Protein backbone atom coordinates (compact mmCIF):
# COMPACT_ATOMS: atom_id res chain seq x y z
CA UNK A 1 62.06 92.88 -19.49
CA UNK A 2 58.48 91.65 -18.93
CA UNK A 3 56.12 92.33 -21.82
CA UNK A 4 52.70 93.61 -20.82
CA UNK A 5 49.54 94.34 -22.78
CA UNK A 6 46.22 96.16 -22.51
CA UNK A 7 43.34 94.63 -24.48
CA UNK A 8 40.61 96.49 -26.37
CA UNK A 9 37.40 94.82 -27.50
CA UNK A 10 35.56 96.32 -30.47
CA UNK A 11 32.24 95.70 -32.13
CA UNK A 12 32.74 96.22 -35.85
CA UNK A 13 29.81 96.30 -38.30
CA UNK A 14 30.31 95.56 -41.99
CA UNK A 15 28.19 93.79 -44.60
CA UNK A 16 31.04 92.13 -46.49
CA UNK A 17 34.34 92.58 -44.63
CA UNK A 18 36.75 89.75 -43.90
CA UNK A 19 36.77 90.40 -40.15
CA UNK A 20 39.91 88.34 -39.52
CA UNK A 21 41.77 90.47 -42.04
CA UNK A 22 40.23 93.62 -40.55
CA UNK A 23 41.43 92.60 -37.07
CA UNK A 24 44.95 91.97 -38.31
CA UNK A 25 44.96 95.34 -40.02
CA UNK A 26 43.99 97.04 -36.75
CA UNK A 27 46.59 95.14 -34.72
CA UNK A 28 49.40 96.08 -37.10
CA UNK A 29 48.17 99.49 -38.24
CA UNK A 30 47.73 100.91 -34.72
CA UNK A 31 51.11 99.62 -33.52
CA UNK A 32 54.10 99.05 -35.82
CA UNK A 33 52.32 100.26 -38.98
CA UNK A 34 53.66 97.51 -41.26
CA UNK A 35 54.81 93.95 -40.68
CA UNK A 36 55.06 91.77 -43.79
CA UNK A 37 57.43 94.21 -45.49
CA UNK A 38 59.89 94.25 -42.58
CA UNK A 39 63.13 92.24 -42.84
CA UNK A 40 63.37 89.35 -40.40
CA UNK A 41 66.01 91.03 -38.24
CA UNK A 42 63.82 94.10 -37.88
CA UNK A 43 60.79 91.93 -37.02
CA UNK A 44 62.68 90.49 -34.06
CA UNK A 45 63.32 94.01 -32.77
CA UNK A 46 59.73 95.13 -33.35
CA UNK A 47 57.96 92.05 -31.98
CA UNK A 48 57.43 93.59 -28.54
CA UNK A 49 55.67 96.57 -30.16
CA UNK A 50 53.34 94.56 -32.39
CA UNK A 51 49.62 94.36 -31.66
CA UNK A 52 48.17 90.87 -31.24
CA UNK A 53 44.78 89.64 -32.44
CA UNK A 54 43.28 87.84 -29.45
CA UNK A 55 39.88 86.87 -30.81
CA UNK A 56 37.40 87.45 -33.62
CA UNK A 57 33.79 86.41 -33.05
CA UNK A 58 31.64 86.90 -36.15
CA UNK A 59 27.85 87.36 -35.88
CA UNK A 60 25.62 87.11 -38.94
CA UNK A 61 22.25 88.88 -39.04
CA UNK A 62 19.20 87.04 -37.78
CA UNK A 63 16.78 85.76 -40.45
CA UNK A 64 14.99 88.72 -41.96
CA UNK A 65 17.40 91.28 -40.50
CA UNK A 66 19.27 93.61 -42.89
CA UNK A 67 22.78 92.68 -44.01
CA UNK A 68 24.00 95.89 -42.38
CA UNK A 69 23.58 94.18 -38.98
CA UNK A 70 26.47 91.79 -39.66
CA UNK A 71 29.22 92.39 -37.10
CA UNK A 72 32.19 90.89 -35.29
CA UNK A 73 33.54 91.35 -31.79
CA UNK A 74 37.29 91.81 -32.16
CA UNK A 75 39.88 91.73 -29.37
CA UNK A 76 43.29 93.30 -29.90
CA UNK A 77 46.17 93.33 -27.39
CA UNK A 78 48.33 96.48 -27.40
CA UNK A 79 51.83 96.42 -25.89
CA UNK A 80 52.29 98.73 -22.90
CA UNK A 81 55.68 99.55 -24.42
CA UNK A 82 53.86 101.65 -27.03
CA UNK A 83 52.22 104.20 -24.73
CA UNK A 84 52.80 106.08 -21.51
CA UNK A 85 50.93 105.02 -18.38
CA UNK A 86 48.00 107.42 -18.61
CA UNK A 87 44.42 107.17 -19.86
CA UNK A 88 44.74 109.67 -22.76
CA UNK A 89 47.68 107.75 -24.23
CA UNK A 90 45.82 104.45 -23.95
CA UNK A 91 42.64 105.82 -25.54
CA UNK A 92 44.46 107.43 -28.43
CA UNK A 93 46.36 104.19 -29.02
CA UNK A 94 43.38 101.85 -29.04
CA UNK A 95 40.66 104.11 -30.44
CA UNK A 96 42.04 107.44 -31.64
CA UNK A 97 42.18 107.07 -35.42
CA UNK A 98 40.14 103.86 -35.34
CA UNK A 99 37.08 105.68 -33.94
CA UNK A 100 36.77 107.41 -37.33
CA UNK A 101 37.05 104.24 -39.40
CA UNK A 102 33.50 103.17 -40.18
CA UNK A 103 30.96 101.56 -37.86
CA UNK A 104 33.10 100.47 -34.95
CA UNK A 105 32.58 100.85 -31.20
CA UNK A 106 34.94 100.30 -28.27
CA UNK A 107 32.98 97.97 -25.99
CA UNK A 108 35.55 96.92 -23.39
CA UNK A 109 39.04 97.58 -22.07
CA UNK A 110 41.25 95.38 -19.94
CA UNK A 111 44.53 96.50 -18.42
CA UNK A 112 47.89 95.02 -17.62
CA UNK A 113 48.89 94.77 -13.97
CA UNK A 114 51.66 97.24 -14.73
CA UNK A 115 49.24 99.78 -16.19
CA UNK A 116 46.81 99.42 -13.28
CA UNK A 117 49.65 99.92 -10.81
CA UNK A 118 49.96 103.51 -12.02
CA UNK A 119 46.49 104.41 -10.75
CA UNK A 120 45.60 104.61 -7.06
CA UNK A 121 41.91 104.86 -8.00
CA UNK A 122 39.27 106.32 -5.66
CA UNK A 123 40.77 107.92 -2.57
CA UNK A 124 37.70 107.18 -0.44
CA UNK A 125 35.57 104.72 -2.35
CA UNK A 126 32.29 103.37 -1.03
CA UNK A 127 33.63 102.49 2.41
CA UNK A 128 35.34 105.84 2.85
CA UNK A 129 32.23 107.80 1.87
CA UNK A 130 30.14 105.74 4.28
CA UNK A 131 32.64 106.38 7.07
CA UNK A 132 32.48 110.14 6.47
CA UNK A 133 28.69 110.00 6.80
CA UNK A 134 28.52 107.37 9.52
CA UNK A 135 25.98 105.38 7.45
CA UNK A 136 26.71 101.70 6.90
CA UNK A 137 23.35 99.93 6.88
CA UNK A 138 21.34 101.41 4.00
CA UNK A 139 21.57 102.97 0.55
CA UNK A 140 22.49 106.66 0.57
CA UNK A 141 20.17 109.45 -0.56
CA UNK A 142 21.31 112.47 -2.56
CA UNK A 143 19.50 115.63 -3.59
CA UNK A 144 20.35 118.02 -6.41
CA UNK A 145 20.23 121.81 -6.48
CA UNK A 146 17.74 122.87 -9.14
CA UNK A 147 16.96 126.26 -10.70
CA UNK A 148 19.99 127.96 -9.20
CA UNK A 149 21.16 130.06 -12.15
CA UNK A 150 20.71 133.75 -11.37
CA UNK A 151 19.91 133.24 -7.68
CA UNK A 152 21.83 134.86 -4.85
CA UNK A 153 23.46 133.28 -1.81
CA UNK A 154 20.46 133.65 0.48
CA UNK A 155 18.21 131.79 -1.97
CA UNK A 156 20.85 129.10 -2.36
CA UNK A 157 21.15 128.71 1.40
CA UNK A 158 17.40 128.33 1.81
CA UNK A 159 17.21 125.67 -0.89
CA UNK A 160 20.16 123.82 0.64
CA UNK A 161 18.63 123.86 4.11
CA UNK A 162 15.30 122.48 2.89
CA UNK A 163 17.06 119.60 1.15
CA UNK A 164 19.25 118.84 4.15
CA UNK A 165 16.36 118.99 6.62
CA UNK A 166 14.60 116.26 4.64
CA UNK A 167 17.22 113.74 5.67
CA UNK A 168 19.41 113.43 2.58
CA UNK A 169 23.02 112.27 2.94
CA UNK A 170 24.51 114.23 0.08
CA UNK A 171 23.65 117.38 -1.83
CA UNK A 172 25.30 118.24 -5.12
CA UNK A 173 25.45 121.39 -7.17
CA UNK A 174 23.76 121.41 -10.54
CA UNK A 175 26.47 120.65 -13.11
CA UNK A 176 25.64 123.92 -14.91
CA UNK A 177 26.30 126.05 -11.82
CA UNK A 178 29.67 127.56 -12.68
CA UNK A 179 31.77 130.23 -11.03
CA UNK A 180 29.77 133.46 -11.04
CA UNK A 181 29.63 136.77 -9.13
CA UNK A 182 26.34 135.94 -7.38
CA UNK A 183 27.48 132.65 -5.82
CA UNK A 184 31.30 132.37 -5.93
CA UNK A 185 32.53 128.97 -4.83
CA UNK A 186 34.02 129.89 -1.45
CA UNK A 187 30.93 131.91 -0.45
CA UNK A 188 28.66 129.16 -1.75
CA UNK A 189 30.45 126.57 0.33
CA UNK A 190 30.43 128.76 3.42
CA UNK A 191 26.68 129.44 3.45
CA UNK A 192 25.74 125.89 2.43
CA UNK A 193 27.86 124.31 5.16
CA UNK A 194 26.21 126.68 7.65
CA UNK A 195 22.84 125.38 6.45
CA UNK A 196 24.12 121.81 6.70
CA UNK A 197 25.11 122.41 10.32
CA UNK A 198 21.69 123.87 11.13
CA UNK A 199 19.89 120.93 9.52
CA UNK A 200 22.22 118.44 11.17
CA UNK A 201 21.26 119.74 14.60
CA UNK A 202 17.67 118.87 13.72
CA UNK A 203 18.17 115.55 11.90
CA UNK A 204 21.23 114.24 13.73
CA UNK A 205 22.81 113.42 10.35
CA UNK A 206 26.11 114.24 8.72
CA UNK A 207 26.03 115.52 5.16
CA UNK A 208 28.38 115.83 2.18
CA UNK A 209 28.07 118.82 -0.16
CA UNK A 210 29.56 118.21 -3.61
CA UNK A 211 30.36 121.69 -4.90
CA UNK A 212 30.90 122.01 -8.66
CA UNK A 213 34.60 122.40 -9.47
CA UNK A 214 34.84 124.57 -12.59
CA UNK A 215 37.07 127.05 -14.38
CA UNK A 216 40.09 126.89 -16.70
CA UNK A 217 41.94 123.59 -16.39
CA UNK A 218 45.15 125.04 -14.98
CA UNK A 219 43.22 126.81 -12.22
CA UNK A 220 41.24 123.77 -11.06
CA UNK A 221 43.64 122.71 -8.32
CA UNK A 222 43.67 126.19 -6.79
CA UNK A 223 39.89 126.36 -7.13
CA UNK A 224 39.57 123.01 -5.33
CA UNK A 225 41.89 124.18 -2.55
CA UNK A 226 39.80 127.34 -2.19
CA UNK A 227 36.61 125.29 -1.86
CA UNK A 228 38.14 122.85 0.63
CA UNK A 229 39.60 125.70 2.71
CA UNK A 230 36.09 127.19 2.84
CA UNK A 231 34.75 123.90 4.23
CA UNK A 232 33.80 121.85 1.17
CA UNK A 233 33.68 118.15 2.03
CA UNK A 234 33.12 116.80 -1.52
CA UNK A 235 33.61 117.93 -5.12
CA UNK A 236 31.48 117.52 -8.25
CA UNK A 237 33.46 117.27 -11.48
CA UNK A 238 32.34 117.31 -15.14
CA UNK A 239 34.97 114.79 -16.10
CA UNK A 240 34.21 114.31 -19.79
CA UNK A 241 34.54 118.02 -20.56
CA UNK A 242 37.94 118.21 -18.85
CA UNK A 243 39.29 114.71 -19.47
CA UNK A 244 39.97 111.55 -17.49
CA UNK A 245 43.55 112.57 -16.80
CA UNK A 246 42.47 115.78 -15.08
CA UNK A 247 40.27 113.72 -12.75
CA UNK A 248 43.16 111.33 -12.18
CA UNK A 249 45.54 114.13 -11.24
CA UNK A 250 43.01 115.77 -8.92
CA UNK A 251 42.04 112.54 -7.19
CA UNK A 252 45.63 111.58 -6.38
CA UNK A 253 46.74 115.05 -5.26
CA UNK A 254 47.42 115.18 -1.50
CA UNK A 255 45.56 118.49 -1.11
CA UNK A 256 42.33 116.98 -2.46
CA UNK A 257 41.28 115.23 0.74
CA UNK A 258 37.55 114.98 -0.05
CA UNK A 259 35.53 112.55 -2.22
CA UNK A 260 35.07 113.36 -5.90
CA UNK A 261 31.75 112.82 -7.67
CA UNK A 262 31.98 112.38 -11.45
CA UNK A 263 29.14 113.83 -13.54
CA UNK A 264 28.34 112.25 -16.95
CA UNK A 265 27.70 115.50 -18.87
CA UNK A 266 28.60 114.97 -22.57
CA UNK A 267 28.37 111.18 -22.20
CA UNK A 268 25.50 111.09 -24.68
CA UNK A 269 27.97 111.99 -27.41
CA UNK A 270 29.89 108.76 -26.73
CA UNK A 271 27.89 105.73 -25.59
CA UNK A 272 24.30 105.52 -26.96
CA UNK A 273 24.99 104.52 -30.57
CA UNK A 274 25.37 100.77 -31.20
CA UNK A 275 27.76 101.53 -34.06
CA UNK A 276 30.05 104.27 -32.76
CA UNK A 277 31.65 105.60 -29.60
CA UNK A 278 32.56 103.96 -26.32
CA UNK A 279 30.33 101.66 -24.30
CA UNK A 280 28.90 103.01 -21.05
CA UNK A 281 30.59 100.38 -18.88
CA UNK A 282 33.98 101.64 -20.12
CA UNK A 283 33.21 105.36 -20.30
CA UNK A 284 31.20 105.74 -17.08
CA UNK A 285 32.48 102.69 -15.25
CA UNK A 286 36.00 101.36 -15.64
CA UNK A 287 37.68 104.61 -16.67
CA UNK A 288 35.98 106.69 -13.96
CA UNK A 289 36.97 104.21 -11.26
CA UNK A 290 40.49 103.98 -12.62
CA UNK A 291 40.77 107.78 -12.68
CA UNK A 292 39.67 108.04 -9.06
CA UNK A 293 35.95 108.90 -8.95
CA UNK A 294 34.45 107.97 -5.57
CA UNK A 295 30.89 108.36 -6.85
CA UNK A 296 29.86 107.91 -10.49
CA UNK A 297 26.65 109.37 -11.90
CA UNK A 298 24.94 107.92 -14.98
CA UNK A 299 21.41 107.92 -16.45
CA UNK A 300 19.11 105.35 -14.84
CA UNK A 301 16.86 102.99 -16.81
CA UNK A 302 13.79 104.27 -14.95
CA UNK A 303 13.49 108.01 -15.32
CA UNK A 304 13.61 110.92 -17.74
CA UNK A 305 17.02 110.35 -19.39
CA UNK A 306 16.96 106.61 -19.95
CA UNK A 307 19.91 104.24 -20.35
CA UNK A 308 19.05 100.58 -21.05
CA UNK A 309 19.01 98.43 -17.91
CA UNK A 310 21.68 96.03 -19.19
CA UNK A 311 24.07 98.97 -19.62
CA UNK A 312 23.29 100.16 -16.08
CA UNK A 313 24.03 96.69 -14.75
CA UNK A 314 27.32 96.58 -16.66
CA UNK A 315 28.37 99.89 -15.08
CA UNK A 316 27.34 98.64 -11.64
CA UNK A 317 29.41 95.49 -12.04
CA UNK A 318 32.62 97.28 -12.99
CA UNK A 319 32.23 99.86 -10.20
CA UNK A 320 31.59 97.24 -7.51
CA UNK A 321 33.70 94.27 -8.57
CA UNK A 322 36.70 93.28 -6.48
CA UNK A 323 37.70 90.53 -8.91
CA UNK A 324 40.93 91.44 -10.68
CA UNK A 325 39.98 89.34 -13.72
CA UNK A 326 37.21 91.86 -14.53
CA UNK A 327 39.85 94.53 -15.18
CA UNK A 328 43.03 92.68 -16.10
CA UNK A 329 44.34 90.78 -19.11
CA UNK A 330 44.66 87.00 -19.01
CA UNK A 331 48.35 86.26 -19.56
CA UNK A 332 47.42 82.68 -20.49
CA UNK A 333 45.24 83.98 -23.33
CA UNK A 334 47.97 86.36 -24.43
CA UNK A 335 50.49 83.55 -24.57
CA UNK A 336 48.04 81.34 -26.49
CA UNK A 337 47.51 84.15 -29.02
CA UNK A 338 51.23 84.34 -29.70
CA UNK A 339 52.25 87.30 -27.55
CA UNK A 340 55.85 87.14 -26.25
CA UNK A 341 54.82 86.48 -22.64
CA UNK A 342 55.05 83.53 -20.26
CA UNK A 343 52.09 82.91 -17.98
CA UNK A 344 54.28 80.91 -15.61
CA UNK A 345 56.34 84.04 -14.93
CA UNK A 346 53.38 86.39 -14.39
CA UNK A 347 50.99 85.02 -11.74
CA UNK A 348 47.55 86.58 -11.93
CA UNK A 349 46.28 88.69 -9.04
CA UNK A 350 42.93 87.57 -7.65
CA UNK A 351 41.82 90.78 -5.94
CA UNK A 352 41.53 94.20 -7.55
CA UNK A 353 43.44 96.83 -5.61
CA UNK A 354 41.18 99.73 -6.62
CA UNK A 355 38.58 100.81 -4.05
CA UNK A 356 34.99 100.39 -5.21
CA UNK A 357 33.03 103.43 -6.46
CA UNK A 358 29.42 104.27 -5.63
CA UNK A 359 26.97 103.79 -8.53
CA UNK A 360 24.59 106.77 -8.75
CA UNK A 361 21.74 106.08 -11.24
CA UNK A 362 20.14 109.43 -11.98
CA UNK A 363 17.46 111.46 -13.80
CA UNK A 364 13.71 111.39 -13.23
CA UNK A 365 13.89 109.52 -9.90
CA UNK A 366 10.90 109.63 -7.53
CA UNK A 367 10.09 107.60 -4.38
CA UNK A 368 7.96 105.11 -6.31
CA UNK A 369 11.11 103.98 -8.16
CA UNK A 370 13.08 103.09 -5.03
CA UNK A 371 12.04 99.39 -5.04
CA UNK A 372 13.35 99.03 -8.61
CA UNK A 373 16.62 100.81 -7.78
CA UNK A 374 17.26 98.60 -4.77
CA UNK A 375 16.24 95.48 -6.68
CA UNK A 376 18.77 96.24 -9.41
CA UNK A 377 21.59 97.81 -7.40
CA UNK A 378 21.25 96.37 -3.91
CA UNK A 379 22.44 98.32 -0.90
CA UNK A 380 25.58 99.83 -2.41
CA UNK A 381 23.91 102.63 -4.32
CA UNK A 382 23.14 106.32 -4.02
CA UNK A 383 19.51 107.17 -4.75
CA UNK A 384 19.78 110.51 -6.55
CA UNK A 385 16.77 112.82 -6.85
CA UNK A 386 16.06 116.33 -8.07
CA UNK A 387 12.47 117.02 -9.02
CA UNK A 388 11.37 114.03 -6.95
CA UNK A 389 12.40 116.02 -3.86
CA UNK A 390 11.81 119.63 -4.88
CA UNK A 391 8.50 118.87 -6.60
CA UNK A 392 6.92 117.00 -3.69
CA UNK A 393 3.34 118.23 -3.06
CA UNK A 394 4.14 118.89 0.60
CA UNK A 395 7.42 120.70 -0.09
CA UNK A 396 11.14 119.96 -0.31
CA UNK A 397 11.59 118.69 3.25
CA UNK A 398 8.75 116.23 2.75
CA UNK A 399 10.35 115.17 -0.54
CA UNK A 400 13.50 114.02 1.22
CA UNK A 401 11.48 112.35 3.95
CA UNK A 402 9.40 110.45 1.38
CA UNK A 403 12.56 108.99 -0.17
CA UNK A 404 13.91 107.98 3.22
CA UNK A 405 10.58 106.32 4.01
CA UNK A 406 10.64 104.47 0.69
CA UNK A 407 14.14 103.19 1.46
CA UNK A 408 13.08 102.13 4.96
CA UNK A 409 10.05 100.31 3.58
CA UNK A 410 12.17 98.34 1.13
CA UNK A 411 14.72 97.40 3.78
CA UNK A 412 11.87 96.23 6.04
CA UNK A 413 10.43 94.11 3.24
CA UNK A 414 7.19 96.07 3.23
CA UNK A 415 5.33 97.37 0.17
CA UNK A 416 5.41 101.11 -0.40
CA UNK A 417 1.63 101.36 -0.38
CA UNK A 418 1.38 99.60 2.96
CA UNK A 419 4.20 101.65 4.49
CA UNK A 420 2.68 104.86 3.15
CA UNK A 421 -0.45 104.43 5.25
CA UNK A 422 1.53 105.55 8.28
CA UNK A 423 3.75 108.03 6.46
CA UNK A 424 1.94 110.94 4.79
CA UNK A 425 5.02 112.19 2.94
CA UNK A 426 5.44 108.86 1.12
CA UNK A 427 1.71 108.63 0.51
CA UNK A 428 1.65 112.06 -1.14
CA UNK A 429 4.62 111.12 -3.33
CA UNK A 430 2.89 107.93 -4.49
CA UNK A 431 -0.27 109.86 -5.26
CA UNK A 432 1.78 112.33 -7.32
CA UNK A 433 4.04 109.94 -9.22
CA UNK A 434 2.82 106.42 -8.60
CA UNK A 435 4.86 103.26 -8.07
CA UNK A 436 6.80 101.60 -10.88
CA UNK A 437 7.21 97.86 -10.40
């Protein structure tokens, strides 16, 4: 039987701890529970279940910094034999009880080939979403429904049409638009897809509408089928409120034949603290892609709900990488650390089999930010705007057009101010919000 491991990397803060001892305590305590007290015969049986300390990198505070800033980055390998092949089991194993044990944060996860093989990942991915839209040569543009609570279907249809007529590629529900008697999901989809058809006749564009999939967990599949039967061509999903495994089951189900967009609601309870929680690249990057999100939303470093740029770039890298080493465990390192594996018997894959997921930096985006977004994310990104479209001085249609003009200017290598001289919608947006460079 081939032994396989997933590896967790932690950042542990402590003023006085012996970090090597701490790491060994984690490796044993979260796997076999006890090791030194076991008889030798029992140790031989339990070896394949024992956690392995891969690395401990200690960092002392900089001169003048408080002693409380002393930390170590600790890597522990956990045998796949200890948990079932699903994300909840892995998370509980590597960070369930440990998450409550002082100042410690899960900052990375790597997976065995065997664990990864249990996840088909995004059904469409970046290429599949682009094929649905027929757009291959530019970043995509998305608009968000705003102020929809308490409105009826006719108001919703009008707002949808104005967004679509501005030239956006995707429109998503607000994440707080749940099932309600005024705009039930099948009626909402029906009237919005009618508006999409009307706008498409004018713009010549295809459009994806990500309707918010909500309700009790055991009714989600039926709710998704209802939306798709009504014409929905994408789904929005509040993954952290329902769980990664729910997303995984939805994304791999044969009846869910549309892209899934993962919303980061509740993420602020997990990633921002340097001392606790789960890093953004794991929470909103690796695990979302593994669970099957085709598009992944997260706070941008530019707007109203700010995530540091380096964290944005880390998310981007794990959503776009095709290098298997960015997700998998080095068997050579496992063998060197004393794990019962042989690198010569487990050749490493070079290419990751998961489709790539679209990064969607969000919150507070206006046309004057487009150069920064494209500088940081390149062409494989969805520019996601709410108030930057709806709040345009010339109206919602002009808001979408201003974003498209900003994207065109960047792709042409022209400054926004220069391009705006011939495009009044972009000029008005710049006058309202400026340009951030």
